[in-house]
Amino acid sequence: MNRPLYVLVYPSRLFAAHWSFWTPYPDASGQESDIGDRIHVTGDRLNGFQYEYVQNYNVREDKRKPISFPI
């Protein structure tokens, strides 16, 4: 089964743009739900970067209100 892939862009005053990848899980009817897997990297050049794979991430409950773009 193919799942759609989105880029999530998070508004920030500190950075021009912060983003991650997100792929929603299908709901019982096969439609996209608000919950899915998120692939994300945190850190900086001086201290290094850390890869994060977040399961059951609910895009609608994130207080940063990311904007999603399908790719």
Protein backbone atom coordinates (compact mmCIF):
# COMPACT_ATOMS: atom_id res chain seq x y z
CA MET A 1 0.00 0.00 0.00
CA ASN A 2 1.33 3.42 -0.96
CA ARG A 3 1.14 6.24 1.55
CA PRO A 4 1.33 9.94 0.67
CA LEU A 5 4.33 11.98 1.80
CA TYR A 6 4.14 15.58 2.98
CA VAL A 7 6.65 18.25 3.88
CA LEU A 8 5.61 20.06 7.07
CA VAL A 9 6.87 23.63 7.40
CA TYR A 10 6.89 25.16 10.88
CA PRO A 11 6.65 28.94 11.27
CA SER A 12 9.54 30.33 13.33
CA ARG A 13 10.98 33.71 14.23
CA LEU A 14 14.42 32.18 14.82
CA PHE A 15 14.82 30.32 11.51
CA ALA A 16 13.78 31.08 7.94
CA ALA A 17 11.93 27.74 7.87
CA HIS A 18 12.04 24.52 9.81
CA TRP A 19 10.54 21.43 8.19
CA SER A 20 10.06 17.68 8.48
CA PHE A 21 8.57 14.83 6.47
CA TRP A 22 5.23 13.31 7.49
CA THR A 23 3.23 10.39 6.12
CA PRO A 24 -0.29 9.92 7.51
CA TYR A 25 -1.78 6.57 8.46
CA PRO A 26 -4.98 5.50 6.71
CA ASP A 27 -8.15 5.55 8.82
CA ALA A 28 -10.71 2.71 8.91
CA SER A 29 -12.23 3.84 5.59
CA GLY A 30 -8.82 4.09 3.88
CA GLN A 31 -8.69 7.89 3.93
CA GLU A 32 -5.80 9.91 5.35
CA SER A 33 -5.94 10.49 9.09
CA ASP A 34 -4.30 13.28 11.13
CA ILE A 35 -1.92 10.75 12.70
CA GLY A 36 1.17 9.35 11.03
CA ASP A 37 4.95 8.98 11.03
CA ARG A 38 7.21 12.03 11.16
CA ILE A 39 10.86 12.10 10.07
CA HIS A 40 12.79 14.94 11.59
CA VAL A 41 16.34 16.14 12.32
CA THR A 42 17.26 18.44 15.22
CA GLY A 43 20.50 20.17 16.13
CA ASP A 44 23.02 22.51 14.56
CA ARG A 45 26.41 22.51 12.85
CA LEU A 46 28.35 23.23 16.03
CA ASN A 47 26.77 20.54 18.22
CA GLY A 48 25.78 18.00 15.59
CA PHE A 49 22.46 16.71 14.37
CA GLN A 50 20.16 14.00 15.68
CA TYR A 51 17.72 11.98 13.56
CA GLU A 52 14.21 11.45 14.97
CA TYR A 53 11.55 9.05 13.77
CA VAL A 54 8.26 9.87 15.53
CA GLN A 55 5.40 7.38 15.31
CA ASN A 56 1.77 8.38 15.98
CA TYR A 57 2.50 12.06 15.43
CA ASN A 58 -0.79 14.00 15.27
CA VAL A 59 -0.29 16.95 12.93
CA ARG A 60 -3.48 18.70 14.17
CA GLU A 61 -2.38 18.62 17.84
CA ASP A 62 0.99 20.31 17.21
CA LYS A 63 0.75 23.81 18.72
CA ARG A 64 3.21 25.16 16.13
CA LYS A 65 0.54 24.67 13.41
CA PRO A 66 2.72 23.37 10.56
CA ILE A 67 1.74 24.00 6.95
CA SER A 68 1.67 20.81 4.88
CA PHE A 69 2.71 20.38 1.25
CA PRO A 70 2.23 17.05 -0.57
CA ILE A 71 5.21 15.79 -2.53
